[in-house]
Amino acid sequence: MNHDIRSQTPVTVSLENLKDGNVPFEILESAFGPSSLGIIAVSNLPPQFIPLRQRLLSYSSYLANLPSTELEKLESPAAKWLVGWSCGRETLKSGVFDTLKGSYYVNCAFYKDSNLAGATGDYPSFPEYTAPNVWPAENLLPGFRSTFEELCTLMIDVAVLVARACDRYAESTIEGYKPQCLERMVKSSTTTKARLLHYFPPPSPAPPRNPNRLGVDEEAKEDDGDNDNWCATHLDHGCLTALTSAMFIDETANIPNILNLLRSGQADSESKTVPSQAELIAPLTETDSPDPAAGLYIQSREGSTVKVAIPRDALAFQTGEALELITKGRFKAVPHFVRGTRPRSAGEASKVARNTLAVFTQPDLHEMVDEKRDFATFAKEIVERNH
């Protein structure tokens, strides 16, 4: 890996500018153009965003710390664990199964029609998208579903505006680009998928880091082979991926208190008693990352590796492979990975988890992404490669 690593905040636009349609093309080029990182941040979001983010990312710790018997009820093997709970099912580097994070997948067809639970169309062999969502019982995680759907809806609403700005740019620079192509796909798709992520605390202590002024460069040289230990380098395969900033939780100090209720038998998915919502889902205390080298990294188009900092009150949007195909390579998908936290000292066990939400806006299964493949065919290739 290239050791030229730096830290950077994405190019940022305001929600008002997106709504007004006056984002300069120069800004879009700096975010998505040939020499860019392929990521843009949107600020000045609706006021409900901050509490929604805090609630849902807290749920991620509550969910991941449920007993295995409860988590198994939320799995969907028929959908290749791409609906509901998934942990240790995805293969990453050299066929290694990924057990360092847990994921909760939700199909976002409800954005187009609240009565839909999965993608539309005659695709019986593609349950990854067509299978109905799996939700925890309301008495187990009160408010989980409503919070999840509300935050996803807000993120897709903003993605539609980002897509509209991209369309304006593409229509003026790409010959034969279909007007409003990306906005239509994002707004009307039934295949958009959300992934609530819980990166587990590191399993064991490691040698201390010796970070330099950015807390990154020297460590990259010391353990180059383990840079992407929380999420291996990959490309998203959709159009635009909406991302919240990560929420770091010290699970030593903030043990998700649903565990105590479950252990005492006061709450489970079969119980008819609904414990107090405030008691169960009190938002957890957010902490700063204990490790300056941990976080989201993008491999830039110029060959360097950049640590990207998304502000807590903003959303970020990355380009994916489907958008690269649709724009004939004008917008490039960006390789990225997530690097985990390490203890501050060799004898200190880290219990800091990282929670985040990604919403992958994608074409409908029948939409053509190039001259030969519809999105169903393209996505199937990706799923079979990773699962």
Protein backbone atom coordinates (compact mmCIF):
# COMPACT_ATOMS: atom_id res chain seq x y z
CA MET A 1 0.00 0.00 0.00
CA ASN A 2 1.17 3.54 -0.70
CA HIS A 3 2.37 5.16 2.54
CA ASP A 4 1.47 8.69 1.44
CA ILE A 5 -1.43 8.95 3.91
CA ARG A 6 -3.11 12.18 4.91
CA SER A 7 -6.29 13.24 6.70
CA GLN A 8 -8.97 15.28 4.95
CA THR A 9 -12.55 16.51 5.31
CA PRO A 10 -14.64 15.90 2.17
CA VAL A 11 -15.71 18.69 -0.15
CA THR A 12 -18.85 20.08 1.51
CA VAL A 13 -22.04 21.65 0.16
CA SER A 14 -25.09 22.84 2.08
CA LEU A 15 -28.51 21.25 1.82
CA GLU A 16 -29.90 24.67 0.83
CA ASN A 17 -27.57 24.88 -2.18
CA LEU A 18 -28.63 21.42 -3.30
CA LYS A 19 -32.30 22.33 -3.00
CA ASP A 20 -31.74 25.57 -4.93
CA GLY A 21 -29.81 23.75 -7.66
CA ASN A 22 -26.91 26.19 -7.54
CA VAL A 23 -23.97 23.94 -6.64
CA PRO A 24 -21.15 25.06 -8.98
CA PHE A 25 -19.81 22.45 -11.38
CA GLU A 26 -16.34 23.16 -10.01
CA ILE A 27 -17.47 21.87 -6.61
CA LEU A 28 -18.88 18.69 -8.13
CA GLU A 29 -15.67 18.16 -10.09
CA SER A 30 -13.59 18.55 -6.95
CA ALA A 31 -15.82 15.96 -5.24
CA PHE A 32 -16.34 13.43 -8.03
CA GLY A 33 -13.98 14.40 -10.87
CA PRO A 34 -10.87 12.62 -12.19
CA SER A 35 -8.55 13.78 -9.38
CA SER A 36 -11.09 13.62 -6.56
CA LEU A 37 -11.77 11.28 -3.65
CA GLY A 38 -15.23 10.49 -5.02
CA ILE A 39 -16.99 11.75 -1.90
CA ILE A 40 -19.02 14.83 -0.95
CA ALA A 41 -20.44 15.93 2.40
CA VAL A 42 -23.78 17.70 2.89
CA SER A 43 -24.18 20.10 5.82
CA ASN A 44 -27.10 22.01 7.37
CA LEU A 45 -29.31 18.94 7.48
CA PRO A 46 -32.84 18.91 8.94
CA PRO A 47 -32.81 19.26 12.75
CA GLN A 48 -34.13 15.74 13.30
CA PHE A 49 -31.00 14.24 11.75
CA ILE A 50 -28.78 14.56 14.84
CA PRO A 51 -31.12 12.78 17.31
CA LEU A 52 -32.03 10.15 14.68
CA ARG A 53 -28.36 9.39 14.09
CA GLN A 54 -27.65 9.14 17.80
CA ARG A 55 -30.62 6.85 18.42
CA LEU A 56 -30.05 4.46 15.53
CA LEU A 57 -26.30 4.17 16.01
CA SER A 58 -26.93 3.46 19.70
CA TYR A 59 -29.34 0.72 18.62
CA SER A 60 -26.43 -0.83 16.73
CA SER A 61 -24.64 -1.58 20.01
CA TYR A 62 -27.84 -2.79 21.67
CA LEU A 63 -28.51 -5.09 18.73
CA ALA A 64 -25.00 -6.52 18.40
CA ASN A 65 -24.88 -7.34 22.11
CA LEU A 66 -28.06 -9.39 22.07
CA PRO A 67 -27.68 -13.09 22.93
CA SER A 68 -26.94 -15.32 19.96
CA THR A 69 -30.33 -16.98 20.36
CA GLU A 70 -32.04 -13.66 19.68
CA LEU A 71 -29.71 -12.72 16.81
CA GLU A 72 -30.31 -16.06 15.08
CA LYS A 73 -34.01 -15.19 14.90
CA LEU A 74 -33.09 -12.09 12.89
CA GLU A 75 -31.04 -13.92 10.25
CA SER A 76 -32.18 -14.68 6.70
CA PRO A 77 -30.03 -17.51 5.28
CA ALA A 78 -32.27 -17.71 2.18
CA ALA A 79 -31.25 -14.12 1.36
CA LYS A 80 -27.55 -14.99 1.84
CA TRP A 81 -27.64 -13.02 5.09
CA LEU A 82 -28.17 -9.79 3.11
CA VAL A 83 -31.46 -9.17 4.91
CA GLY A 84 -31.52 -8.88 8.69
CA TRP A 85 -28.56 -9.78 10.93
CA SER A 86 -25.26 -10.98 9.48
CA CYS A 87 -21.93 -11.72 11.12
CA GLY A 88 -19.12 -13.94 9.87
CA ARG A 89 -20.91 -14.70 6.60
CA GLU A 90 -19.05 -12.36 4.27
CA THR A 91 -15.70 -13.35 2.81
CA LEU A 92 -13.08 -10.67 2.43
CA LYS A 93 -9.32 -10.95 2.06
CA SER A 94 -8.24 -14.29 0.52
CA GLY A 95 -11.52 -15.94 1.42
CA VAL A 96 -11.29 -15.10 5.12
CA PHE A 97 -14.68 -14.79 6.83
CA ASP A 98 -15.30 -11.36 8.34
CA THR A 99 -16.11 -11.73 12.04
CA LEU A 100 -14.93 -8.28 13.14
CA LYS A 101 -18.22 -6.57 12.38
CA GLY A 102 -21.91 -7.30 12.52
CA SER A 103 -24.38 -5.93 9.98
CA TYR A 104 -28.12 -5.40 9.91
CA TYR A 105 -29.45 -5.16 6.34
CA VAL A 106 -32.74 -3.54 5.41
CA ASN A 107 -34.29 -3.27 1.97
CA CYS A 108 -35.52 0.29 1.49
CA ALA A 109 -38.37 -0.34 -0.94
CA PHE A 110 -40.56 1.39 1.66
CA TYR A 111 -39.11 4.68 0.39
CA LYS A 112 -41.09 4.28 -2.83
CA ASP A 113 -44.09 2.50 -1.32
CA SER A 114 -44.69 1.92 2.39
CA ASN A 115 -46.43 -1.35 1.53
CA LEU A 116 -43.31 -2.85 -0.09
CA ALA A 117 -40.93 -5.01 1.93
CA GLY A 118 -38.49 -5.82 -0.86
CA ALA A 119 -37.58 -5.14 -4.47
CA THR A 120 -40.23 -5.48 -7.13
CA GLY A 121 -40.02 -7.56 -10.31
CA ASP A 122 -39.96 -11.25 -11.22
CA TYR A 123 -36.64 -12.27 -9.67
CA PRO A 124 -37.36 -15.44 -7.64
CA SER A 125 -33.67 -16.39 -7.60
CA PHE A 126 -32.61 -13.07 -6.13
CA PRO A 127 -33.90 -13.08 -2.53
CA GLU A 128 -31.04 -10.80 -1.48
CA TYR A 129 -33.26 -7.96 -2.70
CA THR A 130 -36.74 -9.43 -2.95
CA ALA A 131 -36.97 -11.11 0.47
CA PRO A 132 -39.02 -9.19 3.04
CA ASN A 133 -37.24 -7.36 5.82
CA VAL A 134 -36.72 -9.00 9.20
CA TRP A 135 -37.35 -6.80 12.23
CA PRO A 136 -36.78 -7.38 15.95
CA ALA A 137 -39.93 -7.70 18.02
CA GLU A 138 -41.09 -4.30 19.21
CA ASN A 139 -40.94 -5.47 22.81
CA LEU A 140 -37.30 -6.42 22.33
CA LEU A 141 -36.03 -3.22 20.68
CA PRO A 142 -38.83 -0.65 20.96
CA GLY A 143 -38.70 1.97 18.21
CA PHE A 144 -35.91 0.28 16.26
CA ARG A 145 -37.88 -0.13 13.05
CA SER A 146 -39.45 3.34 13.05
CA THR A 147 -36.09 5.01 13.81
CA PHE A 148 -34.37 2.97 11.10
CA GLU A 149 -36.96 3.81 8.45
CA GLU A 150 -37.09 7.49 9.38
CA LEU A 151 -33.33 7.98 9.18
CA CYS A 152 -33.07 6.03 5.91
CA THR A 153 -35.85 8.14 4.40
CA LEU A 154 -34.04 11.33 5.36
CA MET A 155 -30.78 10.04 3.86
CA ILE A 156 -32.43 8.99 0.59
CA ASP A 157 -34.17 12.36 0.38
CA VAL A 158 -30.75 14.03 0.48
CA ALA A 159 -29.33 11.47 -1.95
CA VAL A 160 -32.02 12.46 -4.46
CA LEU A 161 -30.77 16.06 -4.29
CA VAL A 162 -27.13 14.98 -4.69
CA ALA A 163 -28.20 12.87 -7.69
CA ARG A 164 -29.98 15.86 -9.19
CA ALA A 165 -26.79 17.93 -8.95
CA CYS A 166 -24.79 15.09 -10.51
CA ASP A 167 -27.31 14.87 -13.36
CA ARG A 168 -26.91 18.58 -14.11
CA TYR A 169 -23.16 18.13 -14.31
CA ALA A 170 -23.31 14.89 -16.34
CA GLU A 171 -25.83 16.27 -18.83
CA SER A 172 -23.45 19.09 -19.68
CA THR A 173 -20.26 17.03 -19.85
CA ILE A 174 -21.13 13.46 -20.93
CA GLU A 175 -22.32 12.94 -24.49
CA GLY A 176 -25.55 10.97 -24.66
CA TYR A 177 -26.23 11.09 -20.92
CA LYS A 178 -29.95 10.66 -20.28
CA PRO A 179 -31.53 13.66 -18.53
CA GLN A 180 -32.38 13.11 -14.84
CA CYS A 181 -31.06 9.54 -15.09
CA LEU A 182 -29.48 9.31 -11.66
CA GLU A 183 -32.22 11.22 -9.83
CA ARG A 184 -34.87 8.96 -11.32
CA MET A 185 -32.95 5.84 -10.27
CA VAL A 186 -32.42 7.01 -6.71
CA LYS A 187 -35.96 8.31 -6.23
CA SER A 188 -37.86 5.38 -7.75
CA SER A 189 -35.66 2.38 -6.92
CA THR A 190 -36.93 -0.52 -4.83
CA THR A 191 -33.46 -2.08 -4.47
CA THR A 192 -31.83 0.58 -2.29
CA LYS A 193 -30.37 -1.22 0.72
CA ALA A 194 -29.31 0.04 4.15
CA ARG A 195 -26.61 -1.50 6.30
CA LEU A 196 -26.37 -0.69 9.99
CA LEU A 197 -22.86 -1.61 11.07
CA HIS A 198 -21.34 -2.51 14.41
CA TYR A 199 -17.56 -2.88 14.35
CA PHE A 200 -16.73 -4.94 17.41
CA PRO A 201 -14.00 -3.81 19.80
CA PRO A 202 -10.60 -5.31 18.97
CA PRO A 203 -10.39 -8.88 20.29
CA SER A 204 -7.00 -8.52 21.99
CA PRO A 205 -4.39 -5.90 22.90
CA ALA A 206 -1.72 -5.02 20.36
CA PRO A 207 1.64 -3.24 20.53
CA PRO A 208 1.32 0.51 21.14
CA ARG A 209 1.06 2.86 18.23
CA ASN A 210 3.65 5.54 17.66
CA PRO A 211 1.65 8.09 15.65
CA ASN A 212 3.24 11.19 14.18
CA ARG A 213 1.53 14.58 13.93
CA LEU A 214 -1.41 13.13 11.96
CA GLY A 215 -1.43 9.93 13.97
CA VAL A 216 -1.33 7.94 10.76
CA ASP A 217 1.81 7.81 8.66
CA GLU A 218 4.26 5.92 10.86
CA GLU A 219 1.68 3.36 11.86
CA ALA A 220 0.91 2.68 8.23
CA LYS A 221 4.53 1.73 7.80
CA GLU A 222 4.61 -0.38 10.97
CA ASP A 223 1.60 -2.62 10.24
CA ASP A 224 0.86 -2.15 6.57
CA GLY A 225 -0.63 -5.61 6.27
CA ASP A 226 -3.37 -4.89 8.80
CA ASN A 227 -4.56 -1.47 7.67
CA ASP A 228 -8.03 -2.67 6.71
CA ASN A 229 -8.55 -4.93 9.72
CA TRP A 230 -12.14 -3.76 10.39
CA CYS A 231 -13.36 -3.72 6.78
CA ALA A 232 -11.19 -4.81 3.86
CA THR A 233 -10.57 -2.60 0.84
CA HIS A 234 -13.56 -2.72 -1.48
CA LEU A 235 -15.78 -0.82 -3.92
CA ASP A 236 -19.47 -0.15 -3.34
CA HIS A 237 -21.47 -1.52 -6.26
CA GLY A 238 -24.41 0.89 -6.25
CA CYS A 239 -24.83 4.47 -7.46
CA LEU A 240 -24.38 6.75 -4.45
CA THR A 241 -23.67 5.51 -0.93
CA ALA A 242 -24.97 7.73 1.86
CA LEU A 243 -22.89 7.57 5.05
CA THR A 244 -23.30 8.89 8.55
CA SER A 245 -20.19 9.72 10.54
CA ALA A 246 -19.06 6.92 12.81
CA MET A 247 -20.21 6.82 16.41
CA PHE A 248 -17.56 5.45 18.79
CA ILE A 249 -18.91 3.78 21.93
CA ASP A 250 -16.84 2.73 24.93
CA GLU A 251 -18.72 -0.46 25.72
CA THR A 252 -16.85 -0.82 29.00
CA ALA A 253 -18.43 2.36 30.32
CA ASN A 254 -21.63 2.12 28.23
CA ILE A 255 -22.73 -1.49 28.42
CA PRO A 256 -25.98 -1.60 26.41
CA ASN A 257 -28.43 -2.02 29.28
CA ILE A 258 -30.84 -4.24 27.38
CA LEU A 259 -28.48 -7.06 28.35
CA ASN A 260 -29.39 -6.77 32.01
CA LEU A 261 -33.08 -6.93 31.18
CA LEU A 262 -32.62 -9.96 28.95
CA ARG A 263 -30.54 -11.79 31.53
CA SER A 264 -33.13 -11.16 34.20
CA GLY A 265 -35.88 -12.48 31.96
CA GLN A 266 -37.77 -9.18 31.83
CA ALA A 267 -37.49 -8.77 28.07
CA ASP A 268 -37.23 -11.18 25.17
CA SER A 269 -38.75 -11.60 21.76
CA GLU A 270 -41.42 -13.97 23.11
CA SER A 271 -42.44 -11.86 26.12
CA LYS A 272 -45.76 -10.03 26.10
CA THR A 273 -44.41 -7.40 28.45
CA VAL A 274 -43.01 -4.27 26.81
CA PRO A 275 -40.32 -2.70 29.00
CA SER A 276 -40.00 1.06 29.14
CA GLN A 277 -38.66 2.43 25.86
CA ALA A 278 -36.58 5.00 27.75
CA GLU A 279 -35.12 2.20 29.87
CA LEU A 280 -34.21 0.06 26.89
CA ILE A 281 -32.97 2.45 24.27
CA ALA A 282 -31.42 5.37 26.07
CA PRO A 283 -28.90 6.77 23.57
CA LEU A 284 -25.39 5.71 24.47
CA THR A 285 -22.65 8.21 25.22
CA GLU A 286 -20.59 9.02 22.16
CA THR A 287 -16.84 9.29 22.59
CA ASP A 288 -14.02 10.42 20.37
CA SER A 289 -12.05 7.71 18.64
CA PRO A 290 -9.36 6.45 21.04
CA ASP A 291 -7.02 5.91 18.12
CA PRO A 292 -6.18 8.73 15.67
CA ALA A 293 -5.33 6.19 12.99
CA ALA A 294 -8.72 4.44 13.09
CA GLY A 295 -11.53 5.28 10.69
CA LEU A 296 -12.57 5.44 7.04
CA TYR A 297 -9.85 5.54 4.39
CA ILE A 298 -10.15 6.19 0.66
CA GLN A 299 -7.55 5.27 -1.92
CA SER A 300 -7.43 8.38 -4.07
CA ARG A 301 -7.28 8.37 -7.83
CA GLU A 302 -3.79 9.82 -7.61
CA GLY A 303 -2.46 6.86 -5.65
CA SER A 304 -2.45 8.14 -2.07
CA THR A 305 -4.45 6.84 0.88
CA VAL A 306 -6.59 9.46 2.62
CA LYS A 307 -8.26 9.25 6.02
CA VAL A 308 -11.66 10.90 5.62
CA ALA A 309 -13.36 12.71 8.49
CA ILE A 310 -17.15 13.07 8.17
CA PRO A 311 -18.57 15.70 10.56
CA ARG A 312 -21.14 14.35 13.04
CA ASP A 313 -23.81 16.76 11.81
CA ALA A 314 -23.31 15.96 8.13
CA LEU A 315 -23.89 13.16 5.64
CA ALA A 316 -21.35 11.97 3.09
CA PHE A 317 -22.00 10.44 -0.34
CA GLN A 318 -19.57 8.16 -2.19
CA THR A 319 -19.64 7.01 -5.78
CA GLY A 320 -20.15 3.31 -6.57
CA GLU A 321 -19.47 0.92 -9.45
CA ALA A 322 -22.94 1.15 -10.99
CA LEU A 323 -22.58 4.94 -11.30
CA GLU A 324 -19.17 4.47 -12.89
CA LEU A 325 -20.73 2.19 -15.50
CA ILE A 326 -23.72 4.46 -16.09
CA THR A 327 -21.48 7.51 -16.59
CA LYS A 328 -19.08 5.55 -18.82
CA GLY A 329 -16.25 6.06 -16.37
CA ARG A 330 -16.64 9.80 -15.83
CA PHE A 331 -17.46 9.22 -12.15
CA LYS A 332 -15.18 6.59 -10.64
CA ALA A 333 -16.00 4.20 -7.81
CA VAL A 334 -13.61 4.72 -4.93
CA PRO A 335 -11.73 1.90 -3.14
CA HIS A 336 -12.05 2.36 0.60
CA PHE A 337 -11.58 0.49 3.86
CA VAL A 338 -12.10 0.88 7.60
CA ARG A 339 -9.25 0.60 10.06
CA GLY A 340 -9.99 -0.48 13.62
CA THR A 341 -8.99 1.02 16.92
CA ARG A 342 -6.06 -0.24 18.93
CA PRO A 343 -5.38 -0.01 22.67
CA ARG A 344 -3.41 3.01 23.85
CA SER A 345 -0.89 0.75 25.59
CA ALA A 346 0.20 -2.86 25.20
CA GLY A 347 -1.60 -3.96 28.36
CA GLU A 348 -4.83 -2.06 27.82
CA ALA A 349 -7.80 -3.97 26.45
CA SER A 350 -9.88 -1.80 24.14
CA LYS A 351 -13.67 -2.01 24.36
CA VAL A 352 -14.43 0.79 21.92
CA ALA A 353 -16.86 -0.16 19.17
CA ARG A 354 -17.62 1.80 16.00
CA ASN A 355 -21.20 2.13 14.73
CA THR A 356 -22.34 3.65 11.48
CA LEU A 357 -25.08 3.51 8.83
CA ALA A 358 -24.60 3.18 5.08
CA VAL A 359 -27.48 3.49 2.61
CA PHE A 360 -26.65 2.13 -0.85
CA THR A 361 -28.83 3.78 -3.48
CA GLN A 362 -28.99 1.41 -6.42
CA PRO A 363 -30.77 0.98 -9.76
CA ASP A 364 -33.81 -1.25 -9.92
CA LEU A 365 -32.97 -4.84 -10.84
CA HIS A 366 -34.16 -4.41 -14.44
CA GLU A 367 -32.18 -1.21 -15.09
CA MET A 368 -29.28 -1.56 -17.53
CA VAL A 369 -25.92 -0.51 -16.12
CA ASP A 370 -24.01 -1.12 -19.35
CA GLU A 371 -24.76 -2.44 -22.81
CA LYS A 372 -24.90 -6.07 -21.70
CA ARG A 373 -25.93 -6.24 -18.04
CA ASP A 374 -28.90 -5.17 -16.00
CA PHE A 375 -28.33 -4.37 -12.33
CA ALA A 376 -29.58 -7.81 -11.25
CA THR A 377 -26.85 -9.51 -13.29
CA PHE A 378 -24.20 -7.06 -12.14
CA ALA A 379 -25.17 -7.27 -8.45
CA LYS A 380 -25.33 -11.07 -8.60
CA GLU A 381 -21.69 -11.15 -9.69
CA ILE A 382 -20.72 -9.00 -6.71
CA VAL A 383 -22.75 -11.03 -4.19
CA GLU A 384 -21.30 -14.34 -5.40
CA ARG A 385 -17.80 -12.91 -5.16
CA ASN A 386 -18.22 -11.77 -1.54
CA HIS A 387 -20.49 -14.40 0.04
